[in-house]
Amino acid sequence: MANLTTVESIPIDYRIYDKDSDGKTKNTHFSEMLALAKKRGIKPEAVAMDAWYSSLDNLKSIRSHGCVWVTTLRKNRIVNRNIARRLNFDYKVCYELYN
């Protein structure tokens, strides 16, 4: 996690992924860091991440913390716009800029 409120980003948390050592998945680390940020009083307006962390559980977790998320989705992800509207997900579709 990084604080991007200035021109420079300042790391506020990090994890070393070593599932053999601690048994935690990348998504578990993600959830723990999000919860710890909230506990520390950090209230981001948005959480930016790469597609690896764009599981439905992670996206719902971000939303439950009162944040929006910014990410790319893998090509195999299906977004049901009707369900998104019903759940009040405000999303924007951005098309790939590069061929």
PDB file of N, CA and C in Angstrom:
ATOM      1  N   MET A   1       0.841  -1.167   0.000  1.00  0.00           N
ATOM      2  CA  MET A   1       0.000   0.000   0.000  1.00  0.00           C
ATOM      3  C   MET A   1       0.888   1.232   0.000  1.00  0.00           C
ATOM      4  N   ALA A   2       0.459   2.240  -0.709  1.00  0.00           N
ATOM      5  CA  ALA A   2       1.231   3.476  -0.779  1.00  0.00           C
ATOM      6  C   ALA A   2       0.300   4.669  -0.664  1.00  0.00           C
ATOM      7  N   ASN A   3       0.793   5.715  -0.042  1.00  0.00           N
ATOM      8  CA  ASN A   3       0.053   6.961   0.080  1.00  0.00           C
ATOM      9  C   ASN A   3       0.400   7.807  -1.132  1.00  0.00           C
ATOM     10  N   LEU A   4      -0.565   8.087  -1.979  1.00  0.00           N
ATOM     11  CA  LEU A   4      -0.307   8.817  -3.217  1.00  0.00           C
ATOM     12  C   LEU A   4      -0.861  10.237  -3.166  1.00  0.00           C
ATOM     13  N   THR A   5      -0.890  10.846  -1.975  1.00  0.00           N
ATOM     14  CA  THR A   5      -1.460  12.186  -1.848  1.00  0.00           C
ATOM     15  C   THR A   5      -0.479  13.270  -2.276  1.00  0.00           C
ATOM     16  N   THR A   6       0.767  12.920  -2.467  1.00  0.00           N
ATOM     17  CA  THR A   6       1.761  13.879  -2.913  1.00  0.00           C
ATOM     18  C   THR A   6       2.362  13.366  -4.206  1.00  0.00           C
ATOM     19  N   VAL A   7       3.290  14.125  -4.755  1.00  0.00           N
ATOM     20  CA  VAL A   7       3.956  13.697  -5.980  1.00  0.00           C
ATOM     21  C   VAL A   7       4.733  12.412  -5.726  1.00  0.00           C
ATOM     22  N   GLU A   8       5.280  12.298  -4.536  1.00  0.00           N
ATOM     23  CA  GLU A   8       6.015  11.098  -4.173  1.00  0.00           C
ATOM     24  C   GLU A   8       5.065  10.121  -3.483  1.00  0.00           C
ATOM     25  N   SER A   9       5.270   8.839  -3.716  1.00  0.00           N
ATOM     26  CA  SER A   9       4.461   7.864  -2.999  1.00  0.00           C
ATOM     27  C   SER A   9       5.251   7.373  -1.785  1.00  0.00           C
ATOM     28  N   ILE A  10       4.545   7.200  -0.702  1.00  0.00           N
ATOM     29  CA  ILE A  10       5.164   6.766   0.539  1.00  0.00           C
ATOM     30  C   ILE A  10       4.539   5.436   0.923  1.00  0.00           C
ATOM     31  N   PRO A  11       5.327   4.367   0.974  1.00  0.00           N
ATOM     32  CA  PRO A  11       4.754   3.070   1.370  1.00  0.00           C
ATOM     33  C   PRO A  11       4.190   3.139   2.789  1.00  0.00           C
ATOM     34  N   ILE A  12       3.004   2.595   2.969  1.00  0.00           N
ATOM     35  CA  ILE A  12       2.418   2.550   4.307  1.00  0.00           C
ATOM     36  C   ILE A  12       2.290   1.123   4.813  1.00  0.00           C
ATOM     37  N   ASP A  13       2.521   0.155   3.944  1.00  0.00           N
ATOM     38  CA  ASP A  13       2.516  -1.252   4.341  1.00  0.00           C
ATOM     39  C   ASP A  13       3.069  -2.078   3.181  1.00  0.00           C
ATOM     40  N   TYR A  14       3.626  -3.186   3.507  1.00  0.00           N
ATOM     41  CA  TYR A  14       4.069  -4.121   2.479  1.00  0.00           C
ATOM     42  C   TYR A  14       4.105  -5.516   3.082  1.00  0.00           C
ATOM     43  N   ARG A  15       4.090  -6.494   2.242  1.00  0.00           N
ATOM     44  CA  ARG A  15       4.172  -7.880   2.673  1.00  0.00           C
ATOM     45  C   ARG A  15       5.104  -8.624   1.734  1.00  0.00           C
ATOM     46  N   ILE A  16       5.799  -9.572   2.285  1.00  0.00           N
ATOM     47  CA  ILE A  16       6.618 -10.470   1.468  1.00  0.00           C
ATOM     48  C   ILE A  16       5.797 -11.736   1.278  1.00  0.00           C
ATOM     49  N   TYR A  17       5.518 -12.040   0.035  1.00  0.00           N
ATOM     50  CA  TYR A  17       4.703 -13.211  -0.275  1.00  0.00           C
ATOM     51  C   TYR A  17       5.571 -14.453  -0.209  1.00  0.00           C
ATOM     52  N   ASP A  18       5.264 -15.313   0.739  1.00  0.00           N
ATOM     53  CA  ASP A  18       5.972 -16.586   0.893  1.00  0.00           C
ATOM     54  C   ASP A  18       4.992 -17.588   1.490  1.00  0.00           C
ATOM     55  N   LYS A  19       4.125 -18.100   0.644  1.00  0.00           N
ATOM     56  CA  LYS A  19       3.053 -18.980   1.087  1.00  0.00           C
ATOM     57  C   LYS A  19       3.585 -20.211   1.824  1.00  0.00           C
ATOM     58  N   ASP A  20       4.751 -20.699   1.416  1.00  0.00           N
ATOM     59  CA  ASP A  20       5.329 -21.863   2.082  1.00  0.00           C
ATOM     60  C   ASP A  20       5.675 -21.558   3.535  1.00  0.00           C
ATOM     61  N   SER A  21       6.010 -20.312   3.810  1.00  0.00           N
ATOM     62  CA  SER A  21       6.408 -19.907   5.159  1.00  0.00           C
ATOM     63  C   SER A  21       5.216 -19.594   6.064  1.00  0.00           C
ATOM     64  N   ASP A  22       4.254 -18.804   5.558  1.00  0.00           N
ATOM     65  CA  ASP A  22       3.162 -18.371   6.427  1.00  0.00           C
ATOM     66  C   ASP A  22       1.791 -18.922   6.033  1.00  0.00           C
ATOM     67  N   GLY A  23       1.696 -19.593   4.881  1.00  0.00           N
ATOM     68  CA  GLY A  23       0.440 -20.185   4.452  1.00  0.00           C
ATOM     69  C   GLY A  23      -0.586 -19.196   3.933  1.00  0.00           C
ATOM     70  N   LYS A  24      -0.198 -17.928   3.766  1.00  0.00           N
ATOM     71  CA  LYS A  24      -1.138 -16.900   3.333  1.00  0.00           C
ATOM     72  C   LYS A  24      -1.063 -16.682   1.824  1.00  0.00           C
ATOM     73  N   THR A  25      -2.244 -16.471   1.235  1.00  0.00           N
ATOM     74  CA  THR A  25      -2.301 -16.153  -0.190  1.00  0.00           C
ATOM     75  C   THR A  25      -2.085 -14.654  -0.376  1.00  0.00           C
ATOM     76  N   LYS A  26      -1.872 -14.247  -1.615  1.00  0.00           N
ATOM     77  CA  LYS A  26      -1.742 -12.821  -1.903  1.00  0.00           C
ATOM     78  C   LYS A  26      -3.019 -12.077  -1.530  1.00  0.00           C
ATOM     79  N   ASN A  27      -4.159 -12.714  -1.755  1.00  0.00           N
ATOM     80  CA  ASN A  27      -5.432 -12.089  -1.414  1.00  0.00           C
ATOM     81  C   ASN A  27      -5.614 -11.952   0.096  1.00  0.00           C
ATOM     82  N   THR A  28      -5.104 -12.904   0.864  1.00  0.00           N
ATOM     83  CA  THR A  28      -5.148 -12.802   2.323  1.00  0.00           C
ATOM     84  C   THR A  28      -4.315 -11.614   2.784  1.00  0.00           C
ATOM     85  N   HIS A  29      -3.112 -11.482   2.224  1.00  0.00           N
ATOM     86  CA  HIS A  29      -2.271 -10.326   2.559  1.00  0.00           C
ATOM     87  C   HIS A  29      -2.998  -9.026   2.211  1.00  0.00           C
ATOM     88  N   PHE A  30      -3.632  -8.989   1.054  1.00  0.00           N
ATOM     89  CA  PHE A  30      -4.358  -7.799   0.616  1.00  0.00           C
ATOM     90  C   PHE A  30      -5.435  -7.430   1.627  1.00  0.00           C
ATOM     91  N   SER A  31      -6.250  -8.401   2.024  1.00  0.00           N
ATOM     92  CA  SER A  31      -7.327  -8.166   2.989  1.00  0.00           C
ATOM     93  C   SER A  31      -6.784  -7.666   4.322  1.00  0.00           C
ATOM     94  N   GLU A  32      -5.712  -8.281   4.787  1.00  0.00           N
ATOM     95  CA  GLU A  32      -5.125  -7.885   6.058  1.00  0.00           C
ATOM     96  C   GLU A  32      -4.580  -6.459   6.004  1.00  0.00           C
ATOM     97  N   MET A  33      -3.939  -6.098   4.897  1.00  0.00           N
ATOM     98  CA  MET A  33      -3.407  -4.742   4.773  1.00  0.00           C
ATOM     99  C   MET A  33      -4.527  -3.712   4.720  1.00  0.00           C
ATOM    100  N   LEU A  34      -5.611  -4.032   4.033  1.00  0.00           N
ATOM    101  CA  LEU A  34      -6.745  -3.119   3.960  1.00  0.00           C
ATOM    102  C   LEU A  34      -7.363  -2.909   5.350  1.00  0.00           C
ATOM    103  N   ALA A  35      -7.546  -3.998   6.092  1.00  0.00           N
ATOM    104  CA  ALA A  35      -8.106  -3.898   7.446  1.00  0.00           C
ATOM    105  C   ALA A  35      -7.171  -3.134   8.378  1.00  0.00           C
ATOM    106  N   LEU A  36      -5.865  -3.374   8.261  1.00  0.00           N
ATOM    107  CA  LEU A  36      -4.897  -2.687   9.111  1.00  0.00           C
ATOM    108  C   LEU A  36      -4.850  -1.193   8.792  1.00  0.00           C
ATOM    109  N   ALA A  37      -4.962  -0.840   7.529  1.00  0.00           N
ATOM    110  CA  ALA A  37      -4.982   0.578   7.149  1.00  0.00           C
ATOM    111  C   ALA A  37      -6.170   1.266   7.811  1.00  0.00           C
ATOM    112  N   LYS A  38      -7.323   0.613   7.795  1.00  0.00           N
ATOM    113  CA  LYS A  38      -8.513   1.184   8.426  1.00  0.00           C
ATOM    114  C   LYS A  38      -8.293   1.335   9.932  1.00  0.00           C
ATOM    115  N   LYS A  39      -7.709   0.312  10.554  1.00  0.00           N
ATOM    116  CA  LYS A  39      -7.438   0.346  11.994  1.00  0.00           C
ATOM    117  C   LYS A  39      -6.484   1.484  12.349  1.00  0.00           C
ATOM    118  N   ARG A  40      -5.547   1.778  11.450  1.00  0.00           N
ATOM    119  CA  ARG A  40      -4.581   2.857  11.666  1.00  0.00           C
ATOM    120  C   ARG A  40      -5.170   4.233  11.384  1.00  0.00           C
ATOM    121  N   GLY A  41      -6.416   4.273  10.926  1.00  0.00           N
ATOM    122  CA  GLY A  41      -7.066   5.549  10.656  1.00  0.00           C
ATOM    123  C   GLY A  41      -6.829   6.087   9.266  1.00  0.00           C
ATOM    124  N   ILE A  42      -6.289   5.260   8.390  1.00  0.00           N
ATOM    125  CA  ILE A  42      -6.054   5.670   7.006  1.00  0.00           C
ATOM    126  C   ILE A  42      -7.367   5.502   6.248  1.00  0.00           C
ATOM    127  N   LYS A  43      -7.829   6.572   5.620  1.00  0.00           N
ATOM    128  CA  LYS A  43      -9.114   6.559   4.919  1.00  0.00           C
ATOM    129  C   LYS A  43      -8.916   6.976   3.465  1.00  0.00           C
ATOM    130  N   PRO A  44      -8.479   6.045   2.622  1.00  0.00           N
ATOM    131  CA  PRO A  44      -8.268   6.410   1.215  1.00  0.00           C
ATOM    132  C   PRO A  44      -9.584   6.618   0.489  1.00  0.00           C
ATOM    133  N   GLU A  45      -9.558   7.488  -0.501  1.00  0.00           N
ATOM    134  CA  GLU A  45     -10.738   7.659  -1.348  1.00  0.00           C
ATOM    135  C   GLU A  45     -10.844   6.519  -2.347  1.00  0.00           C
ATOM    136  N   ALA A  46      -9.680   5.987  -2.738  1.00  0.00           N
ATOM    137  CA  ALA A  46      -9.664   4.911  -3.725  1.00  0.00           C
ATOM    138  C   ALA A  46      -8.512   3.966  -3.434  1.00  0.00           C
ATOM    139  N   VAL A  47      -8.689   2.734  -3.846  1.00  0.00           N
ATOM    140  CA  VAL A  47      -7.642   1.726  -3.750  1.00  0.00           C
ATOM    141  C   VAL A  47      -7.289   1.324  -5.180  1.00  0.00           C
ATOM    142  N   ALA A  48      -6.044   1.539  -5.558  1.00  0.00           N
ATOM    143  CA  ALA A  48      -5.573   1.175  -6.898  1.00  0.00           C
ATOM    144  C   ALA A  48      -4.750  -0.103  -6.794  1.00  0.00           C
ATOM    145  N   MET A  49      -4.965  -1.009  -7.733  1.00  0.00           N
ATOM    146  CA  MET A  49      -4.265  -2.297  -7.687  1.00  0.00           C
ATOM    147  C   MET A  49      -4.212  -2.895  -9.082  1.00  0.00           C
ATOM    148  N   ASP A  50      -3.371  -3.902  -9.233  1.00  0.00           N
ATOM    149  CA  ASP A  50      -3.325  -4.563 -10.533  1.00  0.00           C
ATOM    150  C   ASP A  50      -4.383  -5.666 -10.583  1.00  0.00           C
ATOM    151  N   ALA A  51      -4.530  -6.260 -11.745  1.00  0.00           N
ATOM    152  CA  ALA A  51      -5.592  -7.231 -11.987  1.00  0.00           C
ATOM    153  C   ALA A  51      -5.500  -8.452 -11.075  1.00  0.00           C
ATOM    154  N   TRP A  52      -4.327  -8.752 -10.569  1.00  0.00           N
ATOM    155  CA  TRP A  52      -4.158  -9.932  -9.713  1.00  0.00           C
ATOM    156  C   TRP A  52      -5.104  -9.878  -8.513  1.00  0.00           C
ATOM    157  N   TYR A  53      -5.361  -8.677  -8.004  1.00  0.00           N
ATOM    158  CA  TYR A  53      -6.158  -8.513  -6.790  1.00  0.00           C
ATOM    159  C   TYR A  53      -7.625  -8.184  -7.069  1.00  0.00           C
ATOM    160  N   SER A  54      -8.075  -8.319  -8.307  1.00  0.00           N
ATOM    161  CA  SER A  54      -9.431  -7.897  -8.669  1.00  0.00           C
ATOM    162  C   SER A  54     -10.477  -9.001  -8.504  1.00  0.00           C
ATOM    163  N   SER A  55     -10.282  -9.857  -7.516  1.00  0.00           N
ATOM    164  CA  SER A  55     -11.301 -10.871  -7.245  1.00  0.00           C
ATOM    165  C   SER A  55     -12.540 -10.196  -6.677  1.00  0.00           C
ATOM    166  N   LEU A  56     -13.674 -10.816  -6.840  1.00  0.00           N
ATOM    167  CA  LEU A  56     -14.921 -10.248  -6.350  1.00  0.00           C
ATOM    168  C   LEU A  56     -14.864 -10.011  -4.843  1.00  0.00           C
ATOM    169  N   ASP A  57     -14.279 -10.938  -4.096  1.00  0.00           N
ATOM    170  CA  ASP A  57     -14.173 -10.768  -2.641  1.00  0.00           C
ATOM    171  C   ASP A  57     -13.359  -9.532  -2.286  1.00  0.00           C
ATOM    172  N   ASN A  58     -12.256  -9.304  -2.990  1.00  0.00           N
ATOM    173  CA  ASN A  58     -11.438  -8.117  -2.716  1.00  0.00           C
ATOM    174  C   ASN A  58     -12.185  -6.840  -3.066  1.00  0.00           C
ATOM    175  N   LEU A  59     -12.887  -6.835  -4.196  1.00  0.00           N
ATOM    176  CA  LEU A  59     -13.625  -5.640  -4.603  1.00  0.00           C
ATOM    177  C   LEU A  59     -14.738  -5.320  -3.616  1.00  0.00           C
ATOM    178  N   LYS A  60     -15.427  -6.355  -3.127  1.00  0.00           N
ATOM    179  CA  LYS A  60     -16.470  -6.149  -2.120  1.00  0.00           C
ATOM    180  C   LYS A  60     -15.871  -5.653  -0.805  1.00  0.00           C
ATOM    181  N   SER A  61     -14.706  -6.179  -0.458  1.00  0.00           N
ATOM    182  CA  SER A  61     -14.027  -5.755   0.775  1.00  0.00           C
ATOM    183  C   SER A  61     -13.660  -4.280   0.710  1.00  0.00           C
ATOM    184  N   ILE A  62     -13.133  -3.855  -0.425  1.00  0.00           N
ATOM    185  CA  ILE A  62     -12.776  -2.439  -0.609  1.00  0.00           C
ATOM    186  C   ILE A  62     -14.028  -1.577  -0.451  1.00  0.00           C
ATOM    187  N   ARG A  63     -15.088  -2.012  -1.080  1.00  0.00           N
ATOM    188  CA  ARG A  63     -16.338  -1.251  -1.001  1.00  0.00           C
ATOM    189  C   ARG A  63     -16.864  -1.195   0.427  1.00  0.00           C
ATOM    190  N   SER A  64     -16.728  -2.294   1.184  1.00  0.00           N
ATOM    191  CA  SER A  64     -17.212  -2.314   2.570  1.00  0.00           C
ATOM    192  C   SER A  64     -16.437  -1.338   3.455  1.00  0.00           C
ATOM    193  N   HIS A  65     -15.236  -0.976   3.030  1.00  0.00           N
ATOM    194  CA  HIS A  65     -14.424   0.010   3.753  1.00  0.00           C
ATOM    195  C   HIS A  65     -14.753   1.438   3.305  1.00  0.00           C
ATOM    196  N   GLY A  66     -15.729   1.582   2.406  1.00  0.00           N
ATOM    197  CA  GLY A  66     -16.156   2.907   1.963  1.00  0.00           C
ATOM    198  C   GLY A  66     -15.290   3.509   0.877  1.00  0.00           C
ATOM    199  N   CYS A  67     -14.546   2.678   0.180  1.00  0.00           N
ATOM    200  CA  CYS A  67     -13.647   3.164  -0.870  1.00  0.00           C
ATOM    201  C   CYS A  67     -14.128   2.708  -2.238  1.00  0.00           C
ATOM    202  N   VAL A  68     -13.641   3.378  -3.253  1.00  0.00           N
ATOM    203  CA  VAL A  68     -13.818   2.896  -4.615  1.00  0.00           C
ATOM    204  C   VAL A  68     -12.528   2.219  -5.029  1.00  0.00           C
ATOM    205  N   TRP A  69     -12.579   1.439  -6.086  1.00  0.00           N
ATOM    206  CA  TRP A  69     -11.375   0.759  -6.541  1.00  0.00           C
ATOM    207  C   TRP A  69     -11.079   1.122  -7.980  1.00  0.00           C
ATOM    208  N   VAL A  70      -9.789   1.093  -8.287  1.00  0.00           N
ATOM    209  CA  VAL A  70      -9.306   1.358  -9.639  1.00  0.00           C
ATOM    210  C   VAL A  70      -8.401   0.191 -10.005  1.00  0.00           C
ATOM    211  N   THR A  71      -8.758  -0.513 -11.046  1.00  0.00           N
ATOM    212  CA  THR A  71      -7.970  -1.671 -11.453  1.00  0.00           C
ATOM    213  C   THR A  71      -8.255  -2.009 -12.903  1.00  0.00           C
ATOM    214  N   THR A  72      -7.487  -2.888 -13.423  1.00  0.00           N
ATOM    215  CA  THR A  72      -7.804  -3.495 -14.711  1.00  0.00           C
ATOM    216  C   THR A  72      -8.407  -4.850 -14.397  1.00  0.00           C
ATOM    217  N   LEU A  73      -9.224  -5.338 -15.298  1.00  0.00           N
ATOM    218  CA  LEU A  73      -9.798  -6.663 -15.111  1.00  0.00           C
ATOM    219  C   LEU A  73      -9.225  -7.591 -16.160  1.00  0.00           C
ATOM    220  N   ARG A  74      -9.033  -8.813 -15.779  1.00  0.00           N
ATOM    221  CA  ARG A  74      -8.547  -9.804 -16.744  1.00  0.00           C
ATOM    222  C   ARG A  74      -9.597 -10.020 -17.826  1.00  0.00           C
ATOM    223  N   LYS A  75      -9.131 -10.447 -18.977  1.00  0.00           N
ATOM    224  CA  LYS A  75     -10.028 -10.627 -20.115  1.00  0.00           C
ATOM    225  C   LYS A  75     -11.157 -11.613 -19.838  1.00  0.00           C
ATOM    226  N   ASN A  76     -10.940 -12.557 -18.920  1.00  0.00           N
ATOM    227  CA  ASN A  76     -11.968 -13.563 -18.658  1.00  0.00           C
ATOM    228  C   ASN A  76     -13.002 -13.112 -17.628  1.00  0.00           C
ATOM    229  N   ARG A  77     -12.915 -11.883 -17.133  1.00  0.00           N
ATOM    230  CA  ARG A  77     -13.886 -11.371 -16.154  1.00  0.00           C
ATOM    231  C   ARG A  77     -15.140 -10.899 -16.885  1.00  0.00           C
ATOM    232  N   ILE A  78     -16.271 -11.221 -16.308  1.00  0.00           N
ATOM    233  CA  ILE A  78     -17.548 -10.790 -16.873  1.00  0.00           C
ATOM    234  C   ILE A  78     -18.189  -9.840 -15.876  1.00  0.00           C
ATOM    235  N   VAL A  79     -18.541  -8.674 -16.343  1.00  0.00           N
ATOM    236  CA  VAL A  79     -19.200  -7.686 -15.491  1.00  0.00           C
ATOM    237  C   VAL A  79     -20.669  -7.633 -15.892  1.00  0.00           C
ATOM    238  N   ASN A  80     -21.528  -7.987 -14.964  1.00  0.00           N
ATOM    239  CA  ASN A  80     -22.958  -7.930 -15.207  1.00  0.00           C
ATOM    240  C   ASN A  80     -23.422  -6.529 -14.847  1.00  0.00           C
ATOM    241  N   ARG A  81     -23.691  -5.725 -15.843  1.00  0.00           N
ATOM    242  CA  ARG A  81     -24.046  -4.319 -15.610  1.00  0.00           C
ATOM    243  C   ARG A  81     -25.336  -4.170 -14.824  1.00  0.00           C
ATOM    244  N   ASN A  82     -26.288  -5.083 -14.998  1.00  0.00           N
ATOM    245  CA  ASN A  82     -27.544  -5.003 -14.245  1.00  0.00           C
ATOM    246  C   ASN A  82     -27.306  -5.200 -12.752  1.00  0.00           C
ATOM    247  N   ILE A  83     -26.497  -6.180 -12.413  1.00  0.00           N
ATOM    248  CA  ILE A  83     -26.183  -6.420 -11.000  1.00  0.00           C
ATOM    249  C   ILE A  83     -25.367  -5.260 -10.454  1.00  0.00           C
ATOM    250  N   ALA A  84     -24.435  -4.760 -11.233  1.00  0.00           N
ATOM    251  CA  ALA A  84     -23.622  -3.625 -10.791  1.00  0.00           C
ATOM    252  C   ALA A  84     -24.503  -2.428 -10.468  1.00  0.00           C
ATOM    253  N   ARG A  85     -25.466  -2.156 -11.310  1.00  0.00           N
ATOM    254  CA  ARG A  85     -26.381  -1.032 -11.053  1.00  0.00           C
ATOM    255  C   ARG A  85     -27.218  -1.278  -9.800  1.00  0.00           C
ATOM    256  N   ARG A  86     -27.713  -2.500  -9.658  1.00  0.00           N
ATOM    257  CA  ARG A  86     -28.549  -2.840  -8.504  1.00  0.00           C
ATOM    258  C   ARG A  86     -27.765  -2.697  -7.202  1.00  0.00           C
ATOM    259  N   LEU A  87     -26.472  -3.020  -7.233  1.00  0.00           N
ATOM    260  CA  LEU A  87     -25.630  -2.905  -6.042  1.00  0.00           C
ATOM    261  C   LEU A  87     -25.035  -1.510  -5.887  1.00  0.00           C
ATOM    262  N   ASN A  88     -25.453  -0.598  -6.763  1.00  0.00           N
ATOM    263  CA  ASN A  88     -24.961   0.781  -6.748  1.00  0.00           C
ATOM    264  C   ASN A  88     -23.454   0.881  -6.983  1.00  0.00           C
ATOM    265  N   PHE A  89     -22.927  -0.017  -7.796  1.00  0.00           N
ATOM    266  CA  PHE A  89     -21.531   0.090  -8.196  1.00  0.00           C
ATOM    267  C   PHE A  89     -21.449   1.150  -9.278  1.00  0.00           C
ATOM    268  N   ASP A  90     -20.702   2.182  -9.034  1.00  0.00           N
ATOM    269  CA  ASP A  90     -20.490   3.211 -10.039  1.00  0.00           C
ATOM    270  C   ASP A  90     -19.197   2.852 -10.751  1.00  0.00           C
ATOM    271  N   TYR A  91     -19.291   2.402 -11.965  1.00  0.00           N
ATOM    272  CA  TYR A  91     -18.089   1.981 -12.671  1.00  0.00           C
ATOM    273  C   TYR A  91     -17.996   2.681 -14.007  1.00  0.00           C
ATOM    274  N   LYS A  92     -16.778   2.789 -14.474  1.00  0.00           N
ATOM    275  CA  LYS A  92     -16.522   3.357 -15.788  1.00  0.00           C
ATOM    276  C   LYS A  92     -15.736   2.319 -16.583  1.00  0.00           C
ATOM    277  N   VAL A  93     -16.073   2.189 -17.832  1.00  0.00           N
ATOM    278  CA  VAL A  93     -15.356   1.263 -18.709  1.00  0.00           C
ATOM    279  C   VAL A  93     -14.312   2.056 -19.474  1.00  0.00           C
ATOM    280  N   CYS A  94     -13.067   1.656 -19.343  1.00  0.00           N
ATOM    281  CA  CYS A  94     -11.975   2.295 -20.071  1.00  0.00           C
ATOM    282  C   CYS A  94     -11.413   1.276 -21.057  1.00  0.00           C
ATOM    283  N   TYR A  95     -11.348   1.658 -22.274  1.00  0.00           N
ATOM    284  CA  TYR A  95     -10.838   0.749 -23.275  1.00  0.00           C
ATOM    285  C   TYR A  95      -9.333   0.881 -23.402  1.00  0.00           C
ATOM    286  N   GLU A  96      -8.735  -0.213 -23.815  1.00  0.00           N
ATOM    287  CA  GLU A  96      -7.290  -0.264 -23.949  1.00  0.00           C
ATOM    288  C   GLU A  96      -6.804   0.834 -24.885  1.00  0.00           C
ATOM    289  N   LEU A  97      -5.788   1.555 -24.465  1.00  0.00           N
ATOM    290  CA  LEU A  97      -5.257   2.672 -25.245  1.00  0.00           C
ATOM    291  C   LEU A  97      -4.199   2.235 -26.251  1.00  0.00           C
ATOM    292  N   TYR A  98      -3.612   1.101 -25.995  1.00  0.00           N
ATOM    293  CA  TYR A  98      -2.524   0.629 -26.858  1.00  0.00           C
ATOM    294  C   TYR A  98      -2.942  -0.649 -27.557  1.00  0.00           C
ATOM    295  N   ASN A  99      -2.531  -0.797 -28.792  1.00  0.00           N
ATOM    296  CA  ASN A  99      -2.851  -2.022 -29.545  1.00  0.00           C
ATOM    297  C   ASN A  99      -1.854  -3.104 -29.255  1.00  0.00           C
TER     298      ASN A  99
END
